[in-house]
N, C-alpha and C. Protein backbone atom coordinates (compact mmCIF):
# COMPACT_ATOMS: atom_id res chain seq x y z
N LYS A 1 171.50 83.74 189.10
CA LYS A 1 172.09 84.13 190.46
C LYS A 1 170.82 84.35 191.46
N VAL A 2 170.81 83.59 192.49
CA VAL A 2 169.72 83.48 193.39
C VAL A 2 170.02 83.51 194.76
N SER A 3 169.54 83.94 195.74
CA SER A 3 169.77 83.98 197.21
C SER A 3 168.48 83.69 198.05
N GLY A 4 168.51 82.75 198.98
CA GLY A 4 167.39 82.27 199.52
C GLY A 4 167.74 82.51 201.06
N ARG A 5 166.55 82.85 201.93
CA ARG A 5 166.89 83.01 203.33
C ARG A 5 165.59 82.33 203.98
N GLY A 6 165.71 82.20 205.23
CA GLY A 6 164.44 81.86 206.00
C GLY A 6 164.12 80.35 205.58
N ASP A 7 162.69 80.32 205.23
CA ASP A 7 162.16 79.02 204.69
C ASP A 7 162.09 78.97 203.14
N ASP A 8 162.76 79.86 202.40
CA ASP A 8 162.71 79.77 201.08
C ASP A 8 163.06 78.46 200.50
N LEU A 9 162.24 78.29 199.39
CA LEU A 9 162.41 77.02 198.61
C LEU A 9 162.52 77.50 196.95
N ILE A 10 163.88 77.21 196.61
CA ILE A 10 164.26 77.65 195.30
C ILE A 10 164.38 76.39 194.30
N LYS A 11 163.83 76.62 193.26
CA LYS A 11 163.81 75.42 192.24
C LYS A 11 164.22 76.20 190.89
N ILE A 12 165.38 75.72 190.35
CA ILE A 12 165.94 76.25 189.12
C ILE A 12 166.04 75.29 188.33
N ARG A 13 165.54 75.42 186.84
CA ARG A 13 165.56 74.37 185.79
C ARG A 13 166.13 75.16 184.77
N GLU A 14 167.38 74.76 184.18
CA GLU A 14 168.04 75.42 182.76
C GLU A 14 168.33 74.23 181.95
N ALA A 15 168.03 74.62 180.69
CA ALA A 15 168.15 73.50 179.52
C ALA A 15 168.98 74.20 178.53
N GLY A 16 169.78 73.45 177.84
CA GLY A 16 170.44 73.93 176.61
C GLY A 16 170.53 72.88 175.75
N ASN A 17 170.21 73.16 174.59
CA ASN A 17 170.29 72.13 173.25
C ASN A 17 171.25 72.62 172.38
N LEU A 18 172.20 71.78 172.16
CA LEU A 18 173.34 72.34 171.12
C LEU A 18 172.86 71.46 169.93
N ILE A 19 172.28 72.33 168.93
CA ILE A 19 171.74 71.62 167.67
C ILE A 19 172.45 72.58 166.51
N GLY A 20 173.02 71.77 165.78
CA GLY A 20 173.77 72.42 164.63
C GLY A 20 175.27 72.26 164.96
N GLU A 21 176.02 71.98 163.77
CA GLU A 21 177.40 71.94 163.74
C GLU A 21 178.05 73.13 164.30
N LYS A 22 179.16 72.67 165.37
CA LYS A 22 179.84 73.62 166.01
C LYS A 22 179.02 74.77 166.93
N ALA A 23 177.89 74.13 167.47
CA ALA A 23 177.03 74.77 168.34
C ALA A 23 177.74 75.03 169.66
N ARG A 24 177.62 76.07 170.40
CA ARG A 24 178.22 76.41 171.51
C ARG A 24 177.16 76.77 172.76
N GLY A 25 177.51 76.47 173.90
CA GLY A 25 176.57 76.89 175.01
C GLY A 25 177.26 76.57 176.40
N VAL A 26 176.74 77.66 177.31
CA VAL A 26 177.12 77.42 178.78
C VAL A 26 175.92 77.71 179.48
N LEU A 27 175.74 76.76 180.56
CA LEU A 27 174.80 77.09 181.53
C LEU A 27 175.48 77.32 183.05
N THR A 28 175.18 78.50 183.51
CA THR A 28 175.93 78.97 184.76
C THR A 28 174.75 79.38 185.65
N SER A 29 174.95 78.72 186.99
CA SER A 29 174.15 78.90 188.05
C SER A 29 174.96 79.19 189.34
N ARG A 30 174.52 80.28 189.98
CA ARG A 30 175.03 80.66 191.35
C ARG A 30 173.88 80.86 192.54
N VAL A 31 174.01 80.14 193.41
CA VAL A 31 172.97 80.13 194.32
C VAL A 31 173.67 80.16 195.68
N ALA A 32 173.00 81.03 196.62
CA ALA A 32 173.37 80.98 198.15
C ALA A 32 172.02 80.90 199.04
N VAL A 33 172.20 80.13 200.00
CA VAL A 33 171.11 79.82 200.92
C VAL A 33 171.44 79.86 202.26
N ARG A 34 170.54 80.74 203.11
CA ARG A 34 170.94 80.60 204.59
C ARG A 34 169.67 80.47 205.24
N GLY A 35 169.80 80.24 206.49
CA GLY A 35 168.76 79.75 207.69
C GLY A 35 168.19 78.36 207.07
N ASN A 36 166.93 78.37 206.97
CA ASN A 36 166.46 77.04 206.49
C ASN A 36 165.99 76.84 205.14
N ALA A 37 166.57 77.79 204.40
CA ALA A 37 166.41 77.78 202.72
C ALA A 37 166.82 76.47 202.13
N LYS A 38 166.04 76.17 201.01
CA LYS A 38 166.56 75.06 200.31
C LYS A 38 166.62 75.19 198.77
N ALA A 39 167.63 74.90 198.09
CA ALA A 39 167.75 74.95 196.68
C ALA A 39 167.87 73.72 195.97
N GLU A 40 167.32 73.60 194.86
CA GLU A 40 167.51 72.63 193.99
C GLU A 40 167.85 73.28 192.48
N VAL A 41 169.11 72.80 191.96
CA VAL A 41 169.32 73.39 190.63
C VAL A 41 169.57 72.21 189.75
N TYR A 42 168.65 72.14 188.75
CA TYR A 42 168.60 71.01 187.88
C TYR A 42 168.98 71.62 186.27
N ASN A 43 170.25 71.32 185.75
CA ASN A 43 170.86 71.58 184.57
C ASN A 43 170.70 70.59 183.50
N VAL A 44 170.20 70.66 182.52
CA VAL A 44 170.35 69.68 181.26
C VAL A 44 170.94 70.33 180.16
N MET A 45 172.06 69.62 179.55
CA MET A 45 172.51 70.16 178.35
C MET A 45 172.71 69.02 177.29
N VAL A 46 172.15 69.12 176.20
CA VAL A 46 172.26 68.08 175.28
C VAL A 46 173.03 68.48 174.07
N ALA A 47 173.88 67.61 173.39
CA ALA A 47 174.46 68.06 172.26
C ALA A 47 174.30 66.99 171.18
N THR A 48 173.62 67.42 170.06
CA THR A 48 173.29 66.36 168.93
C THR A 48 174.16 66.37 167.66
N SER A 49 174.95 67.44 167.62
CA SER A 49 175.70 67.58 166.50
C SER A 49 177.17 67.61 166.35
N PRO A 50 177.94 67.28 165.39
CA PRO A 50 179.46 67.26 165.42
C PRO A 50 179.88 68.63 165.79
N TYR A 51 180.95 68.40 166.59
CA TYR A 51 181.80 69.60 166.94
C TYR A 51 180.98 70.60 168.04
N ALA A 52 179.79 70.22 168.45
CA ALA A 52 179.12 70.95 169.34
C ALA A 52 179.90 70.85 170.76
N ARG A 53 180.04 72.05 171.42
CA ARG A 53 180.66 72.15 172.71
C ARG A 53 179.86 72.68 173.61
N GLY A 54 179.69 72.24 174.95
CA GLY A 54 179.07 72.88 176.06
C GLY A 54 179.67 72.70 177.34
N HIS A 55 179.24 73.70 178.24
CA HIS A 55 179.62 73.33 179.64
C HIS A 55 178.63 73.68 180.60
N VAL A 56 178.42 72.97 181.78
CA VAL A 56 177.37 73.31 182.79
C VAL A 56 178.13 73.68 184.32
N ASP A 57 177.93 74.78 184.80
CA ASP A 57 178.74 75.31 185.86
C ASP A 57 177.65 75.76 186.94
N CYS A 58 178.00 75.14 188.01
CA CYS A 58 176.79 75.28 189.13
C CYS A 58 177.57 75.54 190.39
N LYS A 59 177.61 76.71 191.07
CA LYS A 59 178.28 76.83 192.37
C LYS A 59 177.14 77.22 193.48
N GLU A 60 177.03 76.67 194.62
CA GLU A 60 176.06 76.90 195.67
C GLU A 60 176.99 77.04 196.86
N ILE A 61 176.38 78.14 197.86
CA ILE A 61 176.97 78.32 199.04
C ILE A 61 175.76 78.04 199.96
N ILE A 62 176.00 77.25 201.03
CA ILE A 62 175.01 77.13 202.05
C ILE A 62 175.57 77.62 203.46
N GLN A 63 174.70 78.13 204.23
CA GLN A 63 174.94 78.50 205.59
C GLN A 63 173.81 77.97 206.49
N ASP A 64 174.13 78.03 207.73
CA ASP A 64 173.15 77.58 208.68
C ASP A 64 172.62 76.42 208.48
N ASN A 65 171.34 76.16 208.41
CA ASN A 65 170.81 74.80 207.97
C ASN A 65 170.33 74.68 206.53
N GLY A 66 170.97 75.53 205.69
CA GLY A 66 170.50 75.67 204.33
C GLY A 66 170.87 74.32 203.83
N VAL A 67 170.19 73.93 202.74
CA VAL A 67 170.24 72.63 201.98
C VAL A 67 170.54 72.96 200.45
N ALA A 68 171.36 72.52 199.99
CA ALA A 68 171.58 72.60 198.47
C ALA A 68 171.74 71.34 197.64
N ARG A 69 171.13 71.33 196.54
CA ARG A 69 171.30 70.15 195.75
C ARG A 69 171.32 70.57 194.25
N ALA A 70 172.55 69.98 193.55
CA ALA A 70 172.78 70.25 192.25
C ALA A 70 172.74 69.11 191.38
N ILE A 71 171.97 68.98 190.16
CA ILE A 71 171.73 67.84 189.44
C ILE A 71 172.05 68.11 188.08
N PRO A 72 173.24 68.17 187.61
CA PRO A 72 173.49 68.45 186.22
C PRO A 72 173.54 66.93 185.23
N ILE A 73 172.70 67.31 184.24
CA ILE A 73 172.69 66.30 183.34
C ILE A 73 173.16 66.60 182.06
N VAL A 74 174.27 65.99 181.64
CA VAL A 74 174.97 66.14 180.27
C VAL A 74 174.56 64.86 179.39
N GLU A 75 174.21 65.09 178.14
CA GLU A 75 173.79 64.10 177.28
C GLU A 75 174.33 64.45 176.03
N VAL A 76 175.30 63.47 175.39
CA VAL A 76 176.02 63.75 174.08
C VAL A 76 175.31 62.50 173.15
N LYS A 77 174.97 63.01 172.10
CA LYS A 77 174.28 62.15 171.04
C LYS A 77 175.07 62.29 169.58
N HIS A 78 176.26 62.76 169.78
CA HIS A 78 177.09 62.67 168.41
C HIS A 78 178.60 62.49 169.04
N PRO A 79 179.21 61.43 168.30
CA PRO A 79 180.62 61.08 168.89
C PRO A 79 181.61 62.29 168.72
N LYS A 80 181.38 63.23 167.95
CA LYS A 80 182.32 64.34 167.91
C LYS A 80 181.69 65.61 168.48
N ALA A 81 180.81 65.46 169.58
CA ALA A 81 180.42 66.47 170.42
C ALA A 81 180.96 66.36 171.78
N HIS A 82 181.11 67.27 172.52
CA HIS A 82 181.52 67.33 173.97
C HIS A 82 181.12 68.24 174.86
N ILE A 83 180.65 67.72 176.17
CA ILE A 83 180.05 68.64 177.15
C ILE A 83 180.77 68.18 178.40
N THR A 84 181.09 69.22 179.18
CA THR A 84 181.66 69.21 180.49
C THR A 84 180.69 69.64 181.54
N HIS A 85 181.03 69.33 182.84
CA HIS A 85 180.32 69.93 183.97
C HIS A 85 180.89 70.07 185.11
N GLU A 86 180.65 71.10 185.90
CA GLU A 86 181.35 71.23 187.30
C GLU A 86 180.23 71.68 188.23
N ALA A 87 180.09 70.92 189.38
CA ALA A 87 179.34 71.32 190.33
C ALA A 87 179.91 71.58 191.84
N ALA A 88 179.66 72.45 192.38
CA ALA A 88 180.38 72.72 193.93
C ALA A 88 179.40 73.29 194.77
N ILE A 89 179.22 72.53 195.77
CA ILE A 89 178.41 73.10 196.89
C ILE A 89 179.17 72.91 198.28
N GLY A 90 178.96 74.06 198.94
CA GLY A 90 179.81 74.05 200.23
C GLY A 90 179.38 75.37 200.91
N SER A 91 180.06 75.46 202.10
CA SER A 91 180.26 76.65 202.90
C SER A 91 180.92 77.58 202.42
N VAL A 92 181.08 78.94 202.97
CA VAL A 92 181.91 80.02 202.64
C VAL A 92 183.30 79.63 202.66
N ASP A 93 184.26 79.98 201.84
CA ASP A 93 185.64 79.57 201.77
C ASP A 93 186.39 80.14 203.05
N THR A 94 186.97 79.32 203.87
CA THR A 94 187.44 79.83 205.22
C THR A 94 188.79 80.66 204.74
N LYS A 95 189.53 80.49 203.79
CA LYS A 95 190.60 81.24 203.54
C LYS A 95 190.12 82.73 202.93
N GLN A 96 189.10 82.69 202.15
CA GLN A 96 188.45 84.10 201.83
C GLN A 96 187.95 85.05 203.05
N LEU A 97 187.45 84.15 203.73
CA LEU A 97 186.81 84.75 205.03
C LEU A 97 187.83 85.27 205.91
N GLU A 98 188.90 84.49 206.16
CA GLU A 98 189.99 85.04 207.01
C GLU A 98 190.66 86.22 206.52
N THR A 99 190.95 86.08 205.23
CA THR A 99 191.44 87.30 204.44
C THR A 99 190.74 88.59 204.59
N LEU A 100 189.39 88.46 204.46
CA LEU A 100 188.77 89.72 204.61
C LEU A 100 188.51 90.18 206.21
N MET A 101 188.47 89.29 206.85
CA MET A 101 188.41 89.62 208.42
C MET A 101 189.90 90.35 208.84
N SER A 102 190.84 89.96 208.30
CA SER A 102 192.15 90.42 208.51
C SER A 102 192.23 92.04 208.02
N ARG A 103 191.35 92.18 207.08
CA ARG A 103 191.35 93.62 206.64
C ARG A 103 190.46 94.44 207.39
N GLY A 104 189.77 94.01 208.48
CA GLY A 104 188.89 94.84 209.17
C GLY A 104 187.29 94.71 209.23
N LEU A 105 187.04 93.57 208.34
CA LEU A 105 185.52 93.30 208.36
C LEU A 105 185.25 92.17 209.50
N ASP A 106 183.89 92.31 209.95
CA ASP A 106 183.74 91.22 210.95
C ASP A 106 183.06 90.28 210.13
N GLU A 107 182.82 89.05 210.72
CA GLU A 107 182.58 87.82 210.19
C GLU A 107 181.35 88.01 209.19
N GLU A 108 180.21 88.53 209.75
CA GLU A 108 178.97 88.82 208.95
C GLU A 108 179.28 89.63 207.75
N GLU A 109 179.86 90.58 207.92
CA GLU A 109 180.41 91.47 206.81
C GLU A 109 181.09 90.71 205.69
N ALA A 110 182.16 90.06 206.23
CA ALA A 110 182.81 89.14 205.42
C ALA A 110 181.98 88.18 204.48
N VAL A 111 181.26 87.43 205.10
CA VAL A 111 180.42 86.42 204.53
C VAL A 111 179.37 87.33 203.46
N ASP A 112 178.89 88.32 203.85
CA ASP A 112 177.86 89.09 202.88
C ASP A 112 178.66 89.44 201.81
N LEU A 113 179.90 89.86 201.77
CA LEU A 113 180.49 90.30 200.65
C LEU A 113 181.08 89.16 199.99
N ILE A 114 181.43 88.02 200.36
CA ILE A 114 181.60 86.87 199.56
C ILE A 114 180.51 86.35 198.84
N ILE A 115 179.53 86.32 199.50
CA ILE A 115 177.90 85.83 198.74
C ILE A 115 177.63 87.02 197.76
N ALA A 116 178.02 88.26 197.83
CA ALA A 116 177.68 89.19 197.00
C ALA A 116 178.47 89.00 195.86
N GLY A 117 179.72 88.76 196.00
CA GLY A 117 180.76 88.38 194.95
C GLY A 117 180.33 87.11 194.11
N LEU A 118 179.70 86.22 194.82
CA LEU A 118 179.36 84.96 194.07
C LEU A 118 178.08 85.28 193.08
N LEU A 119 177.18 86.07 193.70
CA LEU A 119 176.02 86.41 192.98
C LEU A 119 176.13 87.70 191.88
N SER A 120 177.40 88.26 191.93
CA SER A 120 177.37 89.54 191.16
C SER A 120 177.55 88.97 189.53
């Protein structure tokens, strides 16, 4: 869970190797960038054994001129292994923002709360 502001450059590399029958693993990344910050999240998961199960999950929120990149790599080396991935990059959800603002928060407070929730 990482937050970048200003001219920050964030590079995250995560790797999971599912070795052994019924091995399990999850790689989870949460990133928020503001200003001119940039983030690159590189996740690699490899399954080499029967019944190994894995998941790669990356969510990034960008604001202002922020730039985010997600690079999920899943590699399965056994026909009975299985890996899934999900990557989502975007701005703060408008519906969440409107809900919080209808409860008395201003836009900046609402955005900060949504990002804090993502990173908690």
